[in-house]
């Protein structure tokens, strides 16, 4: 019985370690269903200066990075469920750059979190 218990405990510990640690566990958006993607982005991009910037007046949570020359970059991480989005046709991820005056100068849409991370980290290196 001791071996079975030890194996069970090892499996339980491995399962707990495999679960993502949520740095962002609460947002001001009702019934938000995409914490995995939001946290995957946060973990990958926070070393580059990205911060959690979710605001209750936005339609979904976001990450933000202020650049040295005044531009502001923001990633909106929408709901997985299209019925919960402001527009069900929109992609899951919206990357936007605004200049120092607040004018939108770039907007790109993504549905694949890895492609967005790759795009941003290649841009930064």
N, C-alpha and C. Protein backbone atom coordinates (compact mmCIF):
# COMPACT_ATOMS: atom_id res chain seq x y z
N UNK A 1 0.81 -1.19 0.00
CA UNK A 1 0.00 0.00 0.00
C UNK A 1 0.86 1.26 0.00
N UNK A 2 2.03 1.21 0.62
CA UNK A 2 2.91 2.35 0.71
C UNK A 2 3.39 2.82 -0.66
N UNK A 3 3.69 1.85 -1.56
CA UNK A 3 4.12 2.21 -2.91
C UNK A 3 3.01 2.91 -3.70
N UNK A 4 1.80 2.42 -3.56
CA UNK A 4 0.65 3.01 -4.25
C UNK A 4 0.43 4.44 -3.77
N UNK A 5 0.50 4.65 -2.47
CA UNK A 5 0.33 5.99 -1.92
C UNK A 5 1.44 6.93 -2.40
N UNK A 6 2.67 6.42 -2.44
CA UNK A 6 3.79 7.23 -2.90
C UNK A 6 3.62 7.61 -4.37
N UNK A 7 3.19 6.66 -5.19
CA UNK A 7 2.96 6.94 -6.61
C UNK A 7 1.83 7.96 -6.79
N UNK A 8 0.76 7.79 -6.00
CA UNK A 8 -0.35 8.73 -6.07
C UNK A 8 0.10 10.12 -5.68
N UNK A 9 0.90 10.22 -4.62
CA UNK A 9 1.38 11.52 -4.16
C UNK A 9 2.29 12.14 -5.21
N UNK A 10 3.17 11.36 -5.84
CA UNK A 10 4.05 11.87 -6.90
C UNK A 10 3.23 12.40 -8.08
N UNK A 11 2.19 11.67 -8.46
CA UNK A 11 1.34 12.10 -9.57
C UNK A 11 0.61 13.39 -9.22
N UNK A 12 0.13 13.48 -8.00
CA UNK A 12 -0.57 14.68 -7.55
C UNK A 12 0.36 15.89 -7.57
N UNK A 13 1.59 15.74 -7.11
CA UNK A 13 2.55 16.84 -7.10
C UNK A 13 2.90 17.27 -8.52
N UNK A 14 3.07 16.31 -9.42
CA UNK A 14 3.38 16.63 -10.81
C UNK A 14 2.23 17.39 -11.46
N UNK A 15 1.01 17.00 -11.17
CA UNK A 15 -0.17 17.68 -11.73
C UNK A 15 -0.25 19.12 -11.21
N UNK A 16 0.03 19.33 -9.94
CA UNK A 16 -0.01 20.67 -9.37
C UNK A 16 1.08 21.56 -9.96
N UNK A 17 2.27 20.99 -10.20
CA UNK A 17 3.36 21.76 -10.79
C UNK A 17 3.06 22.12 -12.23
N UNK A 18 2.33 21.27 -12.93
CA UNK A 18 2.02 21.50 -14.34
C UNK A 18 0.98 22.60 -14.53
N UNK A 19 0.18 22.87 -13.52
CA UNK A 19 -0.83 23.91 -13.63
C UNK A 19 -0.16 25.28 -13.64
N UNK A 20 -0.70 26.17 -14.47
CA UNK A 20 -0.14 27.51 -14.57
C UNK A 20 -0.38 28.29 -13.28
N UNK A 21 0.62 29.01 -12.88
CA UNK A 21 0.47 29.90 -11.74
C UNK A 21 -0.12 31.20 -12.28
N UNK A 22 -1.29 31.57 -11.79
CA UNK A 22 -1.96 32.77 -12.26
C UNK A 22 -1.41 33.99 -11.54
N UNK A 23 -0.68 34.80 -12.28
CA UNK A 23 -0.24 36.08 -11.74
C UNK A 23 -1.43 37.04 -11.75
N UNK A 24 -2.33 36.85 -12.72
CA UNK A 24 -3.54 37.65 -12.83
C UNK A 24 -4.71 36.71 -12.61
N UNK A 25 -5.33 36.81 -11.46
CA UNK A 25 -6.41 35.88 -11.12
C UNK A 25 -7.77 36.56 -11.01
N UNK A 26 -7.77 37.88 -11.13
CA UNK A 26 -9.03 38.60 -10.99
C UNK A 26 -9.01 39.79 -11.94
N UNK A 27 -10.11 39.98 -12.65
CA UNK A 27 -10.25 41.12 -13.56
C UNK A 27 -11.64 41.72 -13.37
N UNK A 28 -11.82 42.98 -13.72
CA UNK A 28 -13.13 43.60 -13.52
C UNK A 28 -14.12 43.34 -14.66
N UNK A 29 -14.08 42.14 -15.23
CA UNK A 29 -14.93 41.79 -16.35
C UNK A 29 -15.76 40.58 -15.97
N UNK A 30 -17.06 40.70 -16.09
CA UNK A 30 -17.99 39.67 -15.64
C UNK A 30 -17.79 38.36 -16.40
N UNK A 31 -17.71 37.26 -15.66
CA UNK A 31 -17.64 35.91 -16.23
C UNK A 31 -16.48 35.73 -17.21
N UNK A 32 -15.35 36.39 -16.96
CA UNK A 32 -14.21 36.28 -17.88
C UNK A 32 -13.73 34.84 -17.95
N UNK A 33 -13.49 34.34 -19.17
CA UNK A 33 -13.21 32.91 -19.37
C UNK A 33 -11.87 32.62 -20.04
N UNK A 34 -10.95 33.58 -20.04
CA UNK A 34 -9.70 33.38 -20.78
C UNK A 34 -8.45 33.68 -19.94
N UNK A 35 -8.47 33.27 -18.68
CA UNK A 35 -7.33 33.53 -17.80
C UNK A 35 -6.06 32.81 -18.25
N UNK A 36 -6.19 31.63 -18.86
CA UNK A 36 -5.00 30.91 -19.32
C UNK A 36 -4.21 31.74 -20.34
N UNK A 37 -4.90 32.26 -21.34
CA UNK A 37 -4.23 33.05 -22.38
C UNK A 37 -3.69 34.36 -21.80
N UNK A 38 -4.47 35.02 -20.98
CA UNK A 38 -4.03 36.28 -20.36
C UNK A 38 -2.75 36.07 -19.55
N UNK A 39 -2.71 35.01 -18.77
CA UNK A 39 -1.54 34.74 -17.95
C UNK A 39 -0.36 34.23 -18.76
N UNK A 40 -0.61 33.48 -19.81
CA UNK A 40 0.48 33.04 -20.68
C UNK A 40 1.18 34.26 -21.29
N UNK A 41 0.39 35.21 -21.76
CA UNK A 41 0.97 36.45 -22.29
C UNK A 41 1.72 37.21 -21.20
N UNK A 42 1.12 37.34 -20.04
CA UNK A 42 1.75 38.08 -18.96
C UNK A 42 3.10 37.47 -18.58
N UNK A 43 3.13 36.14 -18.42
CA UNK A 43 4.38 35.47 -18.04
C UNK A 43 5.45 35.65 -19.12
N UNK A 44 5.06 35.60 -20.39
CA UNK A 44 6.02 35.72 -21.49
C UNK A 44 6.50 37.15 -21.69
N UNK A 45 5.63 38.13 -21.44
CA UNK A 45 5.96 39.52 -21.79
C UNK A 45 6.34 40.42 -20.62
N UNK A 46 6.03 40.02 -19.40
CA UNK A 46 6.37 40.89 -18.25
C UNK A 46 7.87 41.18 -18.15
N UNK A 47 8.77 40.26 -18.54
CA UNK A 47 10.20 40.61 -18.50
C UNK A 47 10.56 41.75 -19.46
N UNK A 48 9.69 42.03 -20.42
CA UNK A 48 9.92 43.10 -21.39
C UNK A 48 9.22 44.40 -20.99
N UNK A 49 8.66 44.44 -19.79
CA UNK A 49 8.05 45.66 -19.30
C UNK A 49 6.53 45.74 -19.42
N UNK A 50 5.89 44.67 -19.85
CA UNK A 50 4.43 44.67 -19.95
C UNK A 50 3.82 44.54 -18.57
N UNK A 51 2.71 45.27 -18.35
CA UNK A 51 2.02 45.27 -17.06
C UNK A 51 0.53 44.98 -17.26
N UNK A 52 -0.08 44.43 -16.22
CA UNK A 52 -1.52 44.20 -16.25
C UNK A 52 -2.22 45.55 -16.20
N UNK A 53 -3.14 45.79 -17.14
CA UNK A 53 -3.77 47.11 -17.22
C UNK A 53 -5.29 47.04 -17.37
N UNK A 54 -5.88 45.94 -16.96
CA UNK A 54 -7.32 45.78 -17.12
C UNK A 54 -8.06 46.89 -16.38
N UNK A 55 -9.06 47.41 -17.05
CA UNK A 55 -9.86 48.50 -16.50
C UNK A 55 -11.32 48.17 -16.72
N UNK A 56 -12.14 48.48 -15.76
CA UNK A 56 -13.55 48.07 -15.82
C UNK A 56 -14.31 48.67 -16.99
N UNK A 57 -13.85 49.79 -17.53
CA UNK A 57 -14.54 50.39 -18.66
C UNK A 57 -14.18 49.75 -20.00
N UNK A 58 -13.10 48.96 -20.04
CA UNK A 58 -12.74 48.24 -21.26
C UNK A 58 -13.62 47.01 -21.39
N UNK A 59 -13.75 46.51 -22.61
CA UNK A 59 -14.62 45.36 -22.84
C UNK A 59 -13.97 44.04 -22.45
N UNK A 60 -12.64 44.03 -22.29
CA UNK A 60 -11.93 42.81 -21.88
C UNK A 60 -10.60 43.20 -21.24
N UNK A 61 -9.96 42.26 -20.54
CA UNK A 61 -8.68 42.54 -19.88
C UNK A 61 -7.57 42.89 -20.88
N UNK A 62 -6.53 43.54 -20.36
CA UNK A 62 -5.45 43.96 -21.24
C UNK A 62 -4.11 44.02 -20.51
N UNK A 63 -3.06 44.04 -21.31
CA UNK A 63 -1.70 44.28 -20.86
C UNK A 63 -1.21 45.54 -21.55
N UNK A 64 -0.31 46.28 -20.90
CA UNK A 64 0.13 47.56 -21.43
C UNK A 64 1.63 47.71 -21.27
N UNK A 65 2.24 48.37 -22.25
CA UNK A 65 3.66 48.70 -22.17
C UNK A 65 3.86 50.11 -22.70
N UNK A 66 4.48 50.95 -21.88
CA UNK A 66 4.81 52.31 -22.30
C UNK A 66 6.23 52.31 -22.84
N UNK A 67 6.39 52.81 -24.05
CA UNK A 67 7.70 52.85 -24.68
C UNK A 67 8.39 54.18 -24.36
N UNK A 68 9.71 54.19 -24.48
CA UNK A 68 10.51 55.36 -24.11
C UNK A 68 10.15 56.61 -24.89
N UNK A 69 9.78 56.45 -26.15
CA UNK A 69 9.52 57.63 -26.99
C UNK A 69 8.06 58.10 -26.92
N UNK A 70 7.28 57.53 -25.99
CA UNK A 70 5.93 58.01 -25.76
C UNK A 70 4.82 57.13 -26.30
N UNK A 71 5.14 56.19 -27.19
CA UNK A 71 4.11 55.29 -27.68
C UNK A 71 3.63 54.38 -26.56
N UNK A 72 2.38 53.97 -26.65
CA UNK A 72 1.81 53.04 -25.69
C UNK A 72 1.31 51.81 -26.46
N UNK A 73 1.79 50.65 -26.06
CA UNK A 73 1.37 49.39 -26.67
C UNK A 73 0.38 48.70 -25.73
N UNK A 74 -0.66 48.12 -26.29
CA UNK A 74 -1.66 47.45 -25.47
C UNK A 74 -2.16 46.21 -26.18
N UNK A 75 -2.34 45.15 -25.39
CA UNK A 75 -2.90 43.90 -25.90
C UNK A 75 -4.21 43.65 -25.17
N UNK A 76 -5.28 43.52 -25.93
CA UNK A 76 -6.57 43.17 -25.36
C UNK A 76 -6.77 41.67 -25.56
N UNK A 77 -7.11 40.98 -24.47
CA UNK A 77 -7.30 39.53 -24.48
C UNK A 77 -8.78 39.27 -24.29
N UNK A 78 -9.45 38.95 -25.39
CA UNK A 78 -10.91 38.84 -25.37
C UNK A 78 -11.38 37.51 -24.79
N UNK A 79 -12.67 37.42 -24.62
CA UNK A 79 -13.31 36.20 -24.12
C UNK A 79 -13.14 35.07 -25.13
N UNK A 80 -13.02 33.83 -24.64
CA UNK A 80 -13.00 32.67 -25.52
C UNK A 80 -14.37 32.52 -26.18
N UNK A 81 -15.41 32.66 -25.39
CA UNK A 81 -16.78 32.53 -25.88
C UNK A 81 -17.11 33.76 -26.74
N UNK A 82 -17.31 33.58 -28.06
CA UNK A 82 -17.61 34.73 -28.93
C UNK A 82 -18.87 35.50 -28.52
N UNK A 83 -19.82 34.82 -27.89
CA UNK A 83 -21.04 35.50 -27.46
C UNK A 83 -20.79 36.52 -26.36
N UNK A 84 -19.67 36.40 -25.66
CA UNK A 84 -19.34 37.34 -24.58
C UNK A 84 -18.56 38.56 -25.09
N UNK A 85 -18.08 38.49 -26.33
CA UNK A 85 -17.28 39.59 -26.89
C UNK A 85 -18.18 40.74 -27.33
N UNK A 86 -17.57 41.90 -27.41
CA UNK A 86 -18.31 43.06 -27.92
C UNK A 86 -18.77 42.78 -29.36
N UNK A 87 -17.90 42.15 -30.14
CA UNK A 87 -18.24 41.73 -31.50
C UNK A 87 -17.78 40.29 -31.66
N UNK A 88 -18.69 39.33 -31.87
CA UNK A 88 -18.32 37.91 -31.96
C UNK A 88 -17.36 37.59 -33.10
N UNK A 89 -17.24 38.48 -34.08
CA UNK A 89 -16.35 38.24 -35.22
C UNK A 89 -14.90 38.61 -34.93
N UNK A 90 -14.65 39.36 -33.86
CA UNK A 90 -13.30 39.80 -33.56
C UNK A 90 -12.41 38.63 -33.16
N UNK A 91 -11.11 38.78 -33.43
CA UNK A 91 -10.13 37.79 -32.99
C UNK A 91 -9.96 37.85 -31.48
N UNK A 92 -9.32 36.83 -30.93
CA UNK A 92 -9.10 36.74 -29.48
C UNK A 92 -8.15 37.81 -28.95
N UNK A 93 -7.17 38.17 -29.75
CA UNK A 93 -6.12 39.08 -29.29
C UNK A 93 -6.01 40.28 -30.21
N UNK A 94 -5.97 41.45 -29.63
CA UNK A 94 -5.80 42.68 -30.40
C UNK A 94 -4.58 43.42 -29.85
N UNK A 95 -3.57 43.60 -30.71
CA UNK A 95 -2.36 44.34 -30.36
C UNK A 95 -2.48 45.73 -30.98
N UNK A 96 -2.37 46.76 -30.13
CA UNK A 96 -2.53 48.13 -30.60
C UNK A 96 -1.37 48.99 -30.12
N UNK A 97 -0.99 49.93 -30.97
CA UNK A 97 0.03 50.91 -30.60
C UNK A 97 -0.56 52.30 -30.85
N UNK A 98 -0.48 53.14 -29.82
CA UNK A 98 -0.92 54.53 -29.93
C UNK A 98 0.27 55.44 -29.71
N UNK A 99 0.28 56.57 -30.40
CA UNK A 99 1.38 57.51 -30.22
C UNK A 99 1.19 58.31 -28.93
N UNK A 100 2.12 59.21 -28.66
CA UNK A 100 2.10 59.98 -27.40
C UNK A 100 0.83 60.83 -27.24
N UNK A 101 0.19 61.18 -28.35
CA UNK A 101 -1.05 61.96 -28.28
C UNK A 101 -2.29 61.07 -28.17
N UNK A 102 -2.11 59.75 -28.21
CA UNK A 102 -3.23 58.84 -28.08
C UNK A 102 -3.84 58.37 -29.39
N UNK A 103 -3.23 58.75 -30.52
CA UNK A 103 -3.76 58.32 -31.81
C UNK A 103 -3.29 56.91 -32.13
N UNK A 104 -4.20 56.06 -32.57
CA UNK A 104 -3.89 54.69 -32.94
C UNK A 104 -3.03 54.69 -34.20
N UNK A 105 -1.85 54.08 -34.12
CA UNK A 105 -0.96 54.04 -35.28
C UNK A 105 -0.76 52.63 -35.82
N UNK A 106 -1.14 51.63 -35.04
CA UNK A 106 -1.01 50.24 -35.49
C UNK A 106 -2.01 49.39 -34.74
N UNK A 107 -2.65 48.48 -35.46
CA UNK A 107 -3.52 47.49 -34.83
C UNK A 107 -3.39 46.19 -35.60
N UNK A 108 -3.09 45.12 -34.87
CA UNK A 108 -2.99 43.80 -35.48
C UNK A 108 -3.80 42.83 -34.64
N UNK A 109 -4.44 41.90 -35.31
CA UNK A 109 -5.29 40.91 -34.65
C UNK A 109 -4.64 39.53 -34.72
N UNK A 110 -4.80 38.76 -33.66
CA UNK A 110 -4.25 37.41 -33.58
C UNK A 110 -5.28 36.49 -32.92
N UNK A 111 -5.25 35.23 -33.30
CA UNK A 111 -6.02 34.20 -32.60
C UNK A 111 -5.11 33.20 -31.91
N UNK A 112 -3.82 33.27 -32.21
CA UNK A 112 -2.84 32.34 -31.68
C UNK A 112 -1.89 33.10 -30.75
N UNK A 113 -1.93 32.76 -29.47
CA UNK A 113 -1.12 33.46 -28.47
C UNK A 113 0.38 33.30 -28.75
N UNK A 114 0.80 32.13 -29.22
CA UNK A 114 2.22 31.91 -29.51
C UNK A 114 2.71 32.79 -30.66
N UNK A 115 1.86 33.01 -31.66
CA UNK A 115 2.25 33.89 -32.77
C UNK A 115 2.40 35.33 -32.29
N UNK A 116 1.52 35.77 -31.42
CA UNK A 116 1.64 37.13 -30.88
C UNK A 116 2.90 37.27 -30.04
N UNK A 117 3.17 36.29 -29.17
CA UNK A 117 4.39 36.34 -28.35
C UNK A 117 5.62 36.37 -29.24
N UNK A 118 5.65 35.52 -30.26
CA UNK A 118 6.78 35.49 -31.17
C UNK A 118 6.93 36.82 -31.90
N UNK A 119 5.84 37.36 -32.38
CA UNK A 119 5.85 38.67 -33.08
C UNK A 119 6.44 39.75 -32.18
N UNK A 120 5.98 39.80 -30.94
CA UNK A 120 6.42 40.86 -30.03
C UNK A 120 7.85 40.66 -29.56
N UNK A 121 8.24 39.44 -29.25
CA UNK A 121 9.60 39.23 -28.74
C UNK A 121 10.63 39.37 -29.85
N UNK A 122 10.28 39.04 -31.08
CA UNK A 122 11.20 39.27 -32.20
C UNK A 122 11.36 40.76 -32.45
N UNK A 123 10.25 41.53 -32.30
CA UNK A 123 10.29 42.98 -32.46
C UNK A 123 11.19 43.63 -31.40
N UNK A 124 11.18 43.05 -30.20
CA UNK A 124 11.90 43.65 -29.07
C UNK A 124 13.37 43.30 -29.07
N UNK A 125 13.75 42.24 -29.75
CA UNK A 125 15.16 41.81 -29.74
C UNK A 125 15.92 42.34 -30.93
